[in-house]
Amino acid sequence: MSDCIFCKIANGEIPSTKVYENEDVVAFKDLNPQAPIHILVIPKKHYNNVLDVEENDSIISKIYYAINKIAKQEGFDKEGFRVINNCGENAGQTVMHMHFHIIAGKKLGEGIV
């Protein structure tokens, strides 16, 4: 999508602080972090949200593989972290490009919100 900010980041048109990239996925630091570590993981291909993922599409497993690599690479794999995906405006999705938040670097309570 030509007007999607995350597509522009994935294509290198908008700078970001990348922490991981492969042929399918890119991850970068959130500009408005909600914790000491707040990383966004996005597919390079545009999906509005998880409802756009087809049955035989492997993008979700590729994203979780990237999350695994990032946690180890950034050193928060042993302390724990949270992965969040918002699907739709009522769930808090503000950029309509599927993305996953990795939140870490502090003790997160048991509550989801």
PDB file of N, CA and C in Angstrom:
ATOM      1  N   MET A   1       0.842  -1.186   0.000  1.00  0.00           N
ATOM      2  CA  MET A   1       0.000   0.000   0.000  1.00  0.00           C
ATOM      3  C   MET A   1       0.885   1.247   0.000  1.00  0.00           C
ATOM      4  N   SER A   2       0.610   2.156  -0.889  1.00  0.00           N
ATOM      5  CA  SER A   2       1.472   3.317  -1.060  1.00  0.00           C
ATOM      6  C   SER A   2       1.389   4.314   0.093  1.00  0.00           C
ATOM      7  N   ASP A   3       0.288   4.364   0.829  1.00  0.00           N
ATOM      8  CA  ASP A   3       0.155   5.333   1.916  1.00  0.00           C
ATOM      9  C   ASP A   3       0.345   4.719   3.305  1.00  0.00           C
ATOM     10  N   CYS A   4       0.736   3.474   3.388  1.00  0.00           N
ATOM     11  CA  CYS A   4       0.909   2.788   4.670  1.00  0.00           C
ATOM     12  C   CYS A   4       2.297   3.090   5.244  1.00  0.00           C
ATOM     13  N   ILE A   5       2.330   3.659   6.435  1.00  0.00           N
ATOM     14  CA  ILE A   5       3.601   4.019   7.059  1.00  0.00           C
ATOM     15  C   ILE A   5       4.490   2.793   7.313  1.00  0.00           C
ATOM     16  N   PHE A   6       3.883   1.661   7.704  1.00  0.00           N
ATOM     17  CA  PHE A   6       4.691   0.468   7.954  1.00  0.00           C
ATOM     18  C   PHE A   6       5.225  -0.129   6.654  1.00  0.00           C
ATOM     19  N   CYS A   7       4.475  -0.033   5.580  1.00  0.00           N
ATOM     20  CA  CYS A   7       5.000  -0.474   4.277  1.00  0.00           C
ATOM     21  C   CYS A   7       6.202   0.386   3.894  1.00  0.00           C
ATOM     22  N   LYS A   8       6.111   1.685   4.151  1.00  0.00           N
ATOM     23  CA  LYS A   8       7.221   2.592   3.838  1.00  0.00           C
ATOM     24  C   LYS A   8       8.439   2.280   4.694  1.00  0.00           C
ATOM     25  N   ILE A   9       8.238   1.934   5.951  1.00  0.00           N
ATOM     26  CA  ILE A   9       9.358   1.536   6.817  1.00  0.00           C
ATOM     27  C   ILE A   9       9.963   0.233   6.295  1.00  0.00           C
ATOM     28  N   ALA A  10       9.107  -0.735   5.956  1.00  0.00           N
ATOM     29  CA  ALA A  10       9.588  -2.026   5.452  1.00  0.00           C
ATOM     30  C   ALA A  10      10.378  -1.864   4.160  1.00  0.00           C
ATOM     31  N   ASN A  11       9.982  -0.901   3.330  1.00  0.00           N
ATOM     32  CA  ASN A  11      10.661  -0.661   2.054  1.00  0.00           C
ATOM     33  C   ASN A  11      11.868   0.265   2.178  1.00  0.00           C
ATOM     34  N   GLY A  12      12.132   0.776   3.380  1.00  0.00           N
ATOM     35  CA  GLY A  12      13.264   1.663   3.593  1.00  0.00           C
ATOM     36  C   GLY A  12      13.012   3.104   3.177  1.00  0.00           C
ATOM     37  N   GLU A  13      11.756   3.459   2.908  1.00  0.00           N
ATOM     38  CA  GLU A  13      11.425   4.826   2.512  1.00  0.00           C
ATOM     39  C   GLU A  13      11.375   5.770   3.699  1.00  0.00           C
ATOM     40  N   ILE A  14      11.085   5.224   4.866  1.00  0.00           N
ATOM     41  CA  ILE A  14      11.068   5.990   6.112  1.00  0.00           C
ATOM     42  C   ILE A  14      12.080   5.342   7.045  1.00  0.00           C
ATOM     43  N   PRO A  15      12.986   6.143   7.636  1.00  0.00           N
ATOM     44  CA  PRO A  15      13.985   5.553   8.528  1.00  0.00           C
ATOM     45  C   PRO A  15      13.371   5.017   9.815  1.00  0.00           C
ATOM     46  N   SER A  16      14.009   3.997  10.352  1.00  0.00           N
ATOM     47  CA  SER A  16      13.607   3.420  11.635  1.00  0.00           C
ATOM     48  C   SER A  16      14.846   2.840  12.288  1.00  0.00           C
ATOM     49  N   THR A  17      14.723   2.551  13.567  1.00  0.00           N
ATOM     50  CA  THR A  17      15.826   1.901  14.285  1.00  0.00           C
ATOM     51  C   THR A  17      15.568   0.405  14.236  1.00  0.00           C
ATOM     52  N   LYS A  18      16.059  -0.229  13.184  1.00  0.00           N
ATOM     53  CA  LYS A  18      15.821  -1.653  12.978  1.00  0.00           C
ATOM     54  C   LYS A  18      16.651  -2.485  13.944  1.00  0.00           C
ATOM     55  N   VAL A  19      16.033  -3.543  14.451  1.00  0.00           N
ATOM     56  CA  VAL A  19      16.745  -4.487  15.313  1.00  0.00           C
ATOM     57  C   VAL A  19      16.824  -5.868  14.667  1.00  0.00           C
ATOM     58  N   TYR A  20      16.022  -6.096  13.614  1.00  0.00           N
ATOM     59  CA  TYR A  20      16.018  -7.398  12.946  1.00  0.00           C
ATOM     60  C   TYR A  20      15.382  -7.222  11.571  1.00  0.00           C
ATOM     61  N   GLU A  21      15.916  -7.981  10.613  1.00  0.00           N
ATOM     62  CA  GLU A  21      15.319  -7.982   9.285  1.00  0.00           C
ATOM     63  C   GLU A  21      15.717  -9.252   8.557  1.00  0.00           C
ATOM     64  N   ASN A  22      14.754  -9.827   7.847  1.00  0.00           N
ATOM     65  CA  ASN A  22      15.033 -10.900   6.904  1.00  0.00           C
ATOM     66  C   ASN A  22      14.169 -10.648   5.675  1.00  0.00           C
ATOM     67  N   GLU A  23      14.034 -11.613   4.803  1.00  0.00           N
ATOM     68  CA  GLU A  23      13.300 -11.356   3.547  1.00  0.00           C
ATOM     69  C   GLU A  23      11.802 -11.152   3.744  1.00  0.00           C
ATOM     70  N   ASP A  24      11.236 -11.599   4.878  1.00  0.00           N
ATOM     71  CA  ASP A  24       9.795 -11.526   5.101  1.00  0.00           C
ATOM     72  C   ASP A  24       9.358 -10.564   6.194  1.00  0.00           C
ATOM     73  N   VAL A  25      10.254 -10.267   7.131  1.00  0.00           N
ATOM     74  CA  VAL A  25       9.887  -9.569   8.364  1.00  0.00           C
ATOM     75  C   VAL A  25      10.911  -8.480   8.664  1.00  0.00           C
ATOM     76  N   VAL A  26      10.432  -7.395   9.243  1.00  0.00           N
ATOM     77  CA  VAL A  26      11.325  -6.369   9.769  1.00  0.00           C
ATOM     78  C   VAL A  26      10.834  -5.991  11.167  1.00  0.00           C
ATOM     79  N   ALA A  27      11.778  -5.690  12.059  1.00  0.00           N
ATOM     80  CA  ALA A  27      11.454  -5.290  13.430  1.00  0.00           C
ATOM     81  C   ALA A  27      12.239  -4.029  13.761  1.00  0.00           C
ATOM     82  N   PHE A  28      11.568  -3.120  14.455  1.00  0.00           N
ATOM     83  CA  PHE A  28      12.193  -1.841  14.767  1.00  0.00           C
ATOM     84  C   PHE A  28      11.660  -1.321  16.096  1.00  0.00           C
ATOM     85  N   LYS A  29      12.407  -0.397  16.699  1.00  0.00           N
ATOM     86  CA  LYS A  29      12.008   0.180  17.976  1.00  0.00           C
ATOM     87  C   LYS A  29      10.809   1.105  17.788  1.00  0.00           C
ATOM     88  N   ASP A  30       9.849   1.005  18.703  1.00  0.00           N
ATOM     89  CA  ASP A  30       8.662   1.853  18.679  1.00  0.00           C
ATOM     90  C   ASP A  30       9.062   3.289  19.025  1.00  0.00           C
ATOM     91  N   LEU A  31       8.508   4.254  18.296  1.00  0.00           N
ATOM     92  CA  LEU A  31       8.810   5.662  18.560  1.00  0.00           C
ATOM     93  C   LEU A  31       8.167   6.180  19.846  1.00  0.00           C
ATOM     94  N   ASN A  32       7.141   5.494  20.329  1.00  0.00           N
ATOM     95  CA  ASN A  32       6.450   5.883  21.555  1.00  0.00           C
ATOM     96  C   ASN A  32       6.425   4.674  22.495  1.00  0.00           C
ATOM     97  N   PRO A  33       7.597   4.310  23.034  1.00  0.00           N
ATOM     98  CA  PRO A  33       7.683   3.064  23.812  1.00  0.00           C
ATOM     99  C   PRO A  33       6.837   3.078  25.075  1.00  0.00           C
ATOM    100  N   GLN A  34       6.202   1.930  25.341  1.00  0.00           N
ATOM    101  CA  GLN A  34       5.378   1.745  26.522  1.00  0.00           C
ATOM    102  C   GLN A  34       6.133   1.015  27.635  1.00  0.00           C
ATOM    103  N   ALA A  35       7.387   0.653  27.373  1.00  0.00           N
ATOM    104  CA  ALA A  35       8.258  -0.039  28.323  1.00  0.00           C
ATOM    105  C   ALA A  35       9.692   0.233  27.879  1.00  0.00           C
ATOM    106  N   PRO A  36      10.674  -0.074  28.729  1.00  0.00           N
ATOM    107  CA  PRO A  36      12.063   0.142  28.324  1.00  0.00           C
ATOM    108  C   PRO A  36      12.424  -0.532  26.993  1.00  0.00           C
ATOM    109  N   ILE A  37      11.833  -1.689  26.740  1.00  0.00           N
ATOM    110  CA  ILE A  37      12.010  -2.358  25.447  1.00  0.00           C
ATOM    111  C   ILE A  37      10.627  -2.451  24.807  1.00  0.00           C
ATOM    112  N   HIS A  38      10.490  -1.844  23.642  1.00  0.00           N
ATOM    113  CA  HIS A  38       9.229  -1.882  22.899  1.00  0.00           C
ATOM    114  C   HIS A  38       9.588  -1.937  21.417  1.00  0.00           C
ATOM    115  N   ILE A  39       9.421  -3.115  20.854  1.00  0.00           N
ATOM    116  CA  ILE A  39       9.809  -3.380  19.470  1.00  0.00           C
ATOM    117  C   ILE A  39       8.568  -3.788  18.684  1.00  0.00           C
ATOM    118  N   LEU A  40       8.440  -3.267  17.483  1.00  0.00           N
ATOM    119  CA  LEU A  40       7.366  -3.654  16.576  1.00  0.00           C
ATOM    120  C   LEU A  40       7.908  -4.628  15.544  1.00  0.00           C
ATOM    121  N   VAL A  41       7.177  -5.700  15.323  1.00  0.00           N
ATOM    122  CA  VAL A  41       7.552  -6.712  14.335  1.00  0.00           C
ATOM    123  C   VAL A  41       6.457  -6.730  13.270  1.00  0.00           C
ATOM    124  N   ILE A  42       6.858  -6.507  12.014  1.00  0.00           N
ATOM    125  CA  ILE A  42       5.876  -6.419  10.935  1.00  0.00           C
ATOM    126  C   ILE A  42       6.289  -7.309   9.765  1.00  0.00           C
ATOM    127  N   PRO A  43       5.305  -7.834   9.046  1.00  0.00           N
ATOM    128  CA  PRO A  43       5.630  -8.504   7.790  1.00  0.00           C
ATOM    129  C   PRO A  43       5.914  -7.441   6.731  1.00  0.00           C
ATOM    130  N   LYS A  44       6.809  -7.735   5.813  1.00  0.00           N
ATOM    131  CA  LYS A  44       7.080  -6.796   4.731  1.00  0.00           C
ATOM    132  C   LYS A  44       5.897  -6.705   3.773  1.00  0.00           C
ATOM    133  N   LYS A  45       5.195  -7.810   3.597  1.00  0.00           N
ATOM    134  CA  LYS A  45       3.986  -7.808   2.777  1.00  0.00           C
ATOM    135  C   LYS A  45       2.863  -7.189   3.603  1.00  0.00           C
ATOM    136  N   HIS A  46       2.029  -6.416   2.963  1.00  0.00           N
ATOM    137  CA  HIS A  46       0.937  -5.752   3.684  1.00  0.00           C
ATOM    138  C   HIS A  46      -0.225  -6.709   3.964  1.00  0.00           C
ATOM    139  N   TYR A  47      -0.595  -6.750   5.224  1.00  0.00           N
ATOM    140  CA  TYR A  47      -1.829  -7.386   5.698  1.00  0.00           C
ATOM    141  C   TYR A  47      -2.462  -6.338   6.605  1.00  0.00           C
ATOM    142  N   ASN A  48      -3.749  -6.100   6.493  1.00  0.00           N
ATOM    143  CA  ASN A  48      -4.387  -5.141   7.397  1.00  0.00           C
ATOM    144  C   ASN A  48      -4.289  -5.612   8.838  1.00  0.00           C
ATOM    145  N   ASN A  49      -4.580  -6.885   9.068  1.00  0.00           N
ATOM    146  CA  ASN A  49      -4.497  -7.478  10.402  1.00  0.00           C
ATOM    147  C   ASN A  49      -4.520  -9.005  10.249  1.00  0.00           C
ATOM    148  N   VAL A  50      -4.585  -9.723  11.355  1.00  0.00           N
ATOM    149  CA  VAL A  50      -4.500 -11.185  11.290  1.00  0.00           C
ATOM    150  C   VAL A  50      -5.654 -11.812  10.514  1.00  0.00           C
ATOM    151  N   LEU A  51      -6.746 -11.090  10.359  1.00  0.00           N
ATOM    152  CA  LEU A  51      -7.877 -11.621   9.594  1.00  0.00           C
ATOM    153  C   LEU A  51      -7.577 -11.727   8.103  1.00  0.00           C
ATOM    154  N   ASP A  52      -6.525 -11.054   7.652  1.00  0.00           N
ATOM    155  CA  ASP A  52      -6.117 -11.122   6.245  1.00  0.00           C
ATOM    156  C   ASP A  52      -5.210 -12.311   5.940  1.00  0.00           C
ATOM    157  N   VAL A  53      -4.739 -13.000   6.965  1.00  0.00           N
ATOM    158  CA  VAL A  53      -3.813 -14.110   6.757  1.00  0.00           C
ATOM    159  C   VAL A  53      -4.600 -15.335   6.301  1.00  0.00           C
ATOM    160  N   GLU A  54      -4.189 -15.893   5.179  1.00  0.00           N
ATOM    161  CA  GLU A  54      -4.865 -17.064   4.617  1.00  0.00           C
ATOM    162  C   GLU A  54      -4.371 -18.354   5.288  1.00  0.00           C
ATOM    163  N   GLU A  55      -5.110 -19.418   5.112  1.00  0.00           N
ATOM    164  CA  GLU A  55      -4.853 -20.697   5.781  1.00  0.00           C
ATOM    165  C   GLU A  55      -3.435 -21.225   5.592  1.00  0.00           C
ATOM    166  N   ASN A  56      -2.919 -21.208   4.394  1.00  0.00           N
ATOM    167  CA  ASN A  56      -1.601 -21.790   4.133  1.00  0.00           C
ATOM    168  C   ASN A  56      -0.463 -20.776   4.135  1.00  0.00           C
ATOM    169  N   ASP A  57      -0.745 -19.572   4.567  1.00  0.00           N
ATOM    170  CA  ASP A  57       0.279 -18.530   4.642  1.00  0.00           C
ATOM    171  C   ASP A  57       1.114 -18.755   5.907  1.00  0.00           C
ATOM    172  N   SER A  58       2.400 -18.736   5.773  1.00  0.00           N
ATOM    173  CA  SER A  58       3.286 -19.028   6.914  1.00  0.00           C
ATOM    174  C   SER A  58       3.784 -17.776   7.625  1.00  0.00           C
ATOM    175  N   ILE A  59       3.213 -16.612   7.345  1.00  0.00           N
ATOM    176  CA  ILE A  59       3.750 -15.369   7.886  1.00  0.00           C
ATOM    177  C   ILE A  59       3.702 -15.310   9.416  1.00  0.00           C
ATOM    178  N   ILE A  60       2.696 -15.860  10.046  1.00  0.00           N
ATOM    179  CA  ILE A  60       2.625 -15.801  11.512  1.00  0.00           C
ATOM    180  C   ILE A  60       3.780 -16.583  12.128  1.00  0.00           C
ATOM    181  N   SER A  61       4.077 -17.758  11.599  1.00  0.00           N
ATOM    182  CA  SER A  61       5.204 -18.522  12.142  1.00  0.00           C
ATOM    183  C   SER A  61       6.519 -17.794  11.874  1.00  0.00           C
ATOM    184  N   LYS A  62       6.626 -17.104  10.753  1.00  0.00           N
ATOM    185  CA  LYS A  62       7.846 -16.336  10.452  1.00  0.00           C
ATOM    186  C   LYS A  62       7.992 -15.163  11.412  1.00  0.00           C
ATOM    187  N   ILE A  63       6.886 -14.547  11.774  1.00  0.00           N
ATOM    188  CA  ILE A  63       6.928 -13.447  12.746  1.00  0.00           C
ATOM    189  C   ILE A  63       7.355 -13.971  14.112  1.00  0.00           C
ATOM    190  N   TYR A  64       6.787 -15.085  14.536  1.00  0.00           N
ATOM    191  CA  TYR A  64       7.165 -15.636  15.841  1.00  0.00           C
ATOM    192  C   TYR A  64       8.598 -16.163  15.845  1.00  0.00           C
ATOM    193  N   TYR A  65       9.073 -16.644  14.723  1.00  0.00           N
ATOM    194  CA  TYR A  65      10.488 -17.020  14.618  1.00  0.00           C
ATOM    195  C   TYR A  65      11.356 -15.772  14.814  1.00  0.00           C
ATOM    196  N   ALA A  66      10.962 -14.666  14.177  1.00  0.00           N
ATOM    197  CA  ALA A  66      11.703 -13.413  14.341  1.00  0.00           C
ATOM    198  C   ALA A  66      11.674 -12.950  15.792  1.00  0.00           C
ATOM    199  N   ILE A  67      10.531 -13.057  16.449  1.00  0.00           N
ATOM    200  CA  ILE A  67      10.420 -12.664  17.856  1.00  0.00           C
ATOM    201  C   ILE A  67      11.390 -13.485  18.709  1.00  0.00           C
ATOM    202  N   ASN A  68      11.465 -14.775  18.452  1.00  0.00           N
ATOM    203  CA  ASN A  68      12.403 -15.654  19.155  1.00  0.00           C
ATOM    204  C   ASN A  68      13.839 -15.156  18.971  1.00  0.00           C
ATOM    205  N   LYS A  69      14.202 -14.867  17.741  1.00  0.00           N
ATOM    206  CA  LYS A  69      15.567 -14.394  17.440  1.00  0.00           C
ATOM    207  C   LYS A  69      15.845 -13.052  18.110  1.00  0.00           C
ATOM    208  N   ILE A  70      14.880 -12.155  18.054  1.00  0.00           N
ATOM    209  CA  ILE A  70      15.046 -10.821  18.640  1.00  0.00           C
ATOM    210  C   ILE A  70      15.222 -10.909  20.148  1.00  0.00           C
ATOM    211  N   ALA A  71      14.411 -11.714  20.820  1.00  0.00           N
ATOM    212  CA  ALA A  71      14.505 -11.854  22.282  1.00  0.00           C
ATOM    213  C   ALA A  71      15.902 -12.328  22.683  1.00  0.00           C
ATOM    214  N   LYS A  72      16.434 -13.279  21.959  1.00  0.00           N
ATOM    215  CA  LYS A  72      17.783 -13.779  22.261  1.00  0.00           C
ATOM    216  C   LYS A  72      18.847 -12.756  21.907  1.00  0.00           C
ATOM    217  N   GLN A  73      18.708 -12.141  20.744  1.00  0.00           N
ATOM    218  CA  GLN A  73      19.678 -11.148  20.271  1.00  0.00           C
ATOM    219  C   GLN A  73      19.747  -9.935  21.204  1.00  0.00           C
ATOM    220  N   GLU A  74      18.590  -9.479  21.667  1.00  0.00           N
ATOM    221  CA  GLU A  74      18.526  -8.277  22.509  1.00  0.00           C
ATOM    222  C   GLU A  74      18.698  -8.594  23.993  1.00  0.00           C
ATOM    223  N   GLY A  75      18.724  -9.888  24.354  1.00  0.00           N
ATOM    224  CA  GLY A  75      19.056 -10.296  25.707  1.00  0.00           C
ATOM    225  C   GLY A  75      17.921 -10.281  26.721  1.00  0.00           C
ATOM    226  N   PHE A  76      16.677 -10.251  26.275  1.00  0.00           N
ATOM    227  CA  PHE A  76      15.576 -10.289  27.235  1.00  0.00           C
ATOM    228  C   PHE A  76      14.834 -11.624  27.206  1.00  0.00           C
ATOM    229  N   ASP A  77      15.410 -12.612  26.580  1.00  0.00           N
ATOM    230  CA  ASP A  77      14.775 -13.928  26.469  1.00  0.00           C
ATOM    231  C   ASP A  77      14.616 -14.611  27.817  1.00  0.00           C
ATOM    232  N   LYS A  78      15.501 -14.383  28.738  1.00  0.00           N
ATOM    233  CA  LYS A  78      15.435 -15.061  30.031  1.00  0.00           C
ATOM    234  C   LYS A  78      14.612 -14.299  31.064  1.00  0.00           C
ATOM    235  N   GLU A  79      14.482 -12.986  30.895  1.00  0.00           N
ATOM    236  CA  GLU A  79      13.742 -12.192  31.882  1.00  0.00           C
ATOM    237  C   GLU A  79      12.240 -12.169  31.629  1.00  0.00           C
ATOM    238  N   GLY A  80      11.832 -12.523  30.443  1.00  0.00           N
ATOM    239  CA  GLY A  80      10.416 -12.527  30.098  1.00  0.00           C
ATOM    240  C   GLY A  80      10.012 -11.320  29.291  1.00  0.00           C
ATOM    241  N   PHE A  81       8.969 -11.484  28.518  1.00  0.00           N
ATOM    242  CA  PHE A  81       8.468 -10.417  27.668  1.00  0.00           C
ATOM    243  C   PHE A  81       7.033 -10.722  27.273  1.00  0.00           C
ATOM    244  N   ARG A  82       6.375  -9.744  26.709  1.00  0.00           N
ATOM    245  CA  ARG A  82       4.988  -9.885  26.275  1.00  0.00           C
ATOM    246  C   ARG A  82       4.919  -9.600  24.775  1.00  0.00           C
ATOM    247  N   VAL A  83       4.082 -10.364  24.074  1.00  0.00           N
ATOM    248  CA  VAL A  83       3.819 -10.138  22.652  1.00  0.00           C
ATOM    249  C   VAL A  83       2.349  -9.774  22.522  1.00  0.00           C
ATOM    250  N   ILE A  84       2.084  -8.649  21.865  1.00  0.00           N
ATOM    251  CA  ILE A  84       0.716  -8.153  21.731  1.00  0.00           C
ATOM    252  C   ILE A  84       0.410  -7.893  20.259  1.00  0.00           C
ATOM    253  N   ASN A  85      -0.782  -8.302  19.841  1.00  0.00           N
ATOM    254  CA  ASN A  85      -1.278  -7.986  18.503  1.00  0.00           C
ATOM    255  C   ASN A  85      -2.680  -7.424  18.649  1.00  0.00           C
ATOM    256  N   ASN A  86      -2.872  -6.202  18.185  1.00  0.00           N
ATOM    257  CA  ASN A  86      -4.192  -5.573  18.205  1.00  0.00           C
ATOM    258  C   ASN A  86      -4.829  -5.770  16.833  1.00  0.00           C
ATOM    259  N   CYS A  87      -6.083  -6.210  16.818  1.00  0.00           N
ATOM    260  CA  CYS A  87      -6.775  -6.494  15.564  1.00  0.00           C
ATOM    261  C   CYS A  87      -8.024  -5.628  15.463  1.00  0.00           C
ATOM    262  N   GLY A  88      -7.919  -4.516  14.735  1.00  0.00           N
ATOM    263  CA  GLY A  88      -9.037  -3.610  14.550  1.00  0.00           C
ATOM    264  C   GLY A  88      -8.995  -2.406  15.473  1.00  0.00           C
ATOM    265  N   GLU A  89      -9.704  -1.371  15.080  1.00  0.00           N
ATOM    266  CA  GLU A  89      -9.698  -0.113  15.828  1.00  0.00           C
ATOM    267  C   GLU A  89     -10.161  -0.269  17.267  1.00  0.00           C
ATOM    268  N   ASN A  90     -11.211  -1.050  17.529  1.00  0.00           N
ATOM    269  CA  ASN A  90     -11.708  -1.217  18.898  1.00  0.00           C
ATOM    270  C   ASN A  90     -10.719  -1.932  19.795  1.00  0.00           C
ATOM    271  N   ALA A  91      -9.768  -2.635  19.206  1.00  0.00           N
ATOM    272  CA  ALA A  91      -8.730  -3.308  19.988  1.00  0.00           C
ATOM    273  C   ALA A  91      -7.494  -2.430  20.164  1.00  0.00           C
ATOM    274  N   GLY A  92      -7.520  -1.243  19.579  1.00  0.00           N
ATOM    275  CA  GLY A  92      -6.396  -0.321  19.724  1.00  0.00           C
ATOM    276  C   GLY A  92      -5.432  -0.311  18.554  1.00  0.00           C
ATOM    277  N   GLN A  93      -5.779  -0.964  17.450  1.00  0.00           N
ATOM    278  CA  GLN A  93      -4.898  -0.954  16.274  1.00  0.00           C
ATOM    279  C   GLN A  93      -4.997   0.413  15.616  1.00  0.00           C
ATOM    280  N   THR A  94      -3.880   1.147  15.599  1.00  0.00           N
ATOM    281  CA  THR A  94      -3.885   2.498  15.019  1.00  0.00           C
ATOM    282  C   THR A  94      -3.242   2.538  13.638  1.00  0.00           C
ATOM    283  N   VAL A  95      -2.385   1.578  13.328  1.00  0.00           N
ATOM    284  CA  VAL A  95      -1.816   1.458  11.983  1.00  0.00           C
ATOM    285  C   VAL A  95      -2.375   0.174  11.390  1.00  0.00           C
ATOM    286  N   MET A  96      -3.071   0.308  10.293  1.00  0.00           N
ATOM    287  CA  MET A  96      -3.738  -0.849   9.685  1.00  0.00           C
ATOM    288  C   MET A  96      -2.787  -1.649   8.799  1.00  0.00           C
ATOM    289  N   HIS A  97      -1.716  -2.087   9.418  1.00  0.00           N
ATOM    290  CA  HIS A  97      -0.737  -3.017   8.850  1.00  0.00           C
ATOM    291  C   HIS A  97      -0.439  -3.962  10.001  1.00  0.00           C
ATOM    292  N   MET A  98      -0.693  -5.242   9.804  1.00  0.00           N
ATOM    293  CA  MET A  98      -0.516  -6.207  10.894  1.00  0.00           C
ATOM    294  C   MET A  98       0.854  -6.024  11.538  1.00  0.00           C
ATOM    295  N   HIS A  99       0.856  -5.944  12.853  1.00  0.00           N
ATOM    296  CA  HIS A  99       2.115  -5.806  13.580  1.00  0.00           C
ATOM    297  C   HIS A  99       1.968  -6.391  14.985  1.00  0.00           C
ATOM    298  N   PHE A 100       3.091  -6.774  15.524  1.00  0.00           N
ATOM    299  CA  PHE A 100       3.166  -7.377  16.846  1.00  0.00           C
ATOM    300  C   PHE A 100       4.106  -6.531  17.700  1.00  0.00           C
ATOM    301  N   HIS A 101       3.668  -6.230  18.915  1.00  0.00           N
ATOM    302  CA  HIS A 101       4.475  -5.480  19.863  1.00  0.00           C
ATOM    303  C   HIS A 101       5.218  -6.467  20.759  1.00  0.00           C
ATOM    304  N   ILE A 102       6.505  -6.253  20.939  1.00  0.00           N
ATOM    305  CA  ILE A 102       7.268  -6.969  21.962  1.00  0.00           C
ATOM    306  C   ILE A 102       7.524  -5.951  23.061  1.00  0.00           C
ATOM    307  N   ILE A 103       7.065  -6.269  24.270  1.00  0.00           N
ATOM    308  CA  ILE A 103       7.216  -5.389  25.423  1.00  0.00           C
ATOM    309  C   ILE A 103       8.071  -6.115  26.460  1.00  0.00           C
ATOM    310  N   ALA A 104       9.115  -5.444  26.941  1.00  0.00           N
ATOM    311  CA  ALA A 104      10.017  -6.071  27.925  1.00  0.00           C
ATOM    312  C   ALA A 104      10.804  -4.980  28.650  1.00  0.00           C
ATOM    313  N   GLY A 105      11.673  -5.421  29.534  1.00  0.00           N
ATOM    314  CA  GLY A 105      12.575  -4.509  30.219  1.00  0.00           C
ATOM    315  C   GLY A 105      12.092  -4.030  31.567  1.00  0.00           C
ATOM    316  N   LYS A 106      10.918  -4.510  31.995  1.00  0.00           N
ATOM    317  CA  LYS A 106      10.417  -4.204  33.322  1.00  0.00           C
ATOM    318  C   LYS A 106       9.433  -5.288  33.711  1.00  0.00           C
ATOM    319  N   LYS A 107       9.110  -5.340  34.977  1.00  0.00           N
ATOM    320  CA  LYS A 107       8.133  -6.329  35.429  1.00  0.00           C
ATOM    321  C   LYS A 107       6.754  -5.915  34.932  1.00  0.00           C
ATOM    322  N   LEU A 108       6.148  -6.809  34.195  1.00  0.00           N
ATOM    323  CA  LEU A 108       4.811  -6.571  33.665  1.00  0.00           C
ATOM    324  C   LEU A 108       3.825  -7.313  34.546  1.00  0.00           C
ATOM    325  N   GLY A 109       2.760  -6.672  34.922  1.00  0.00           N
ATOM    326  CA  GLY A 109       1.773  -7.302  35.787  1.00  0.00           C
ATOM    327  C   GLY A 109       1.038  -8.437  35.064  1.00  0.00           C
ATOM    328  N   GLU A 110       0.227  -9.141  35.820  1.00  0.00           N
ATOM    329  CA  GLU A 110      -0.545 -10.249  35.260  1.00  0.00           C
ATOM    330  C   GLU A 110      -1.677  -9.780  34.355  1.00  0.00           C
ATOM    331  N   GLY A 111      -2.145  -8.558  34.570  1.00  0.00           N
ATOM    332  CA  GLY A 111      -3.232  -8.027  33.762  1.00  0.00           C
ATOM    333  C   GLY A 111      -2.815  -7.830  32.316  1.00  0.00           C
ATOM    334  N   ILE A 112      -3.728  -8.023  31.424  1.00  0.00           N
ATOM    335  CA  ILE A 112      -3.424  -7.870  30.009  1.00  0.00           C
ATOM    336  C   ILE A 112      -3.438  -6.400  29.618  1.00  0.00           C
ATOM    337  N   VAL A 113      -4.295  -5.622  30.246  1.00  0.00           N
ATOM    338  CA  VAL A 113      -4.355  -4.190  29.920  1.00  0.00           C
ATOM    339  C   VAL A 113      -4.077  -3.350  31.151  1.00  0.00           C
TER     340      VAL A 113
END
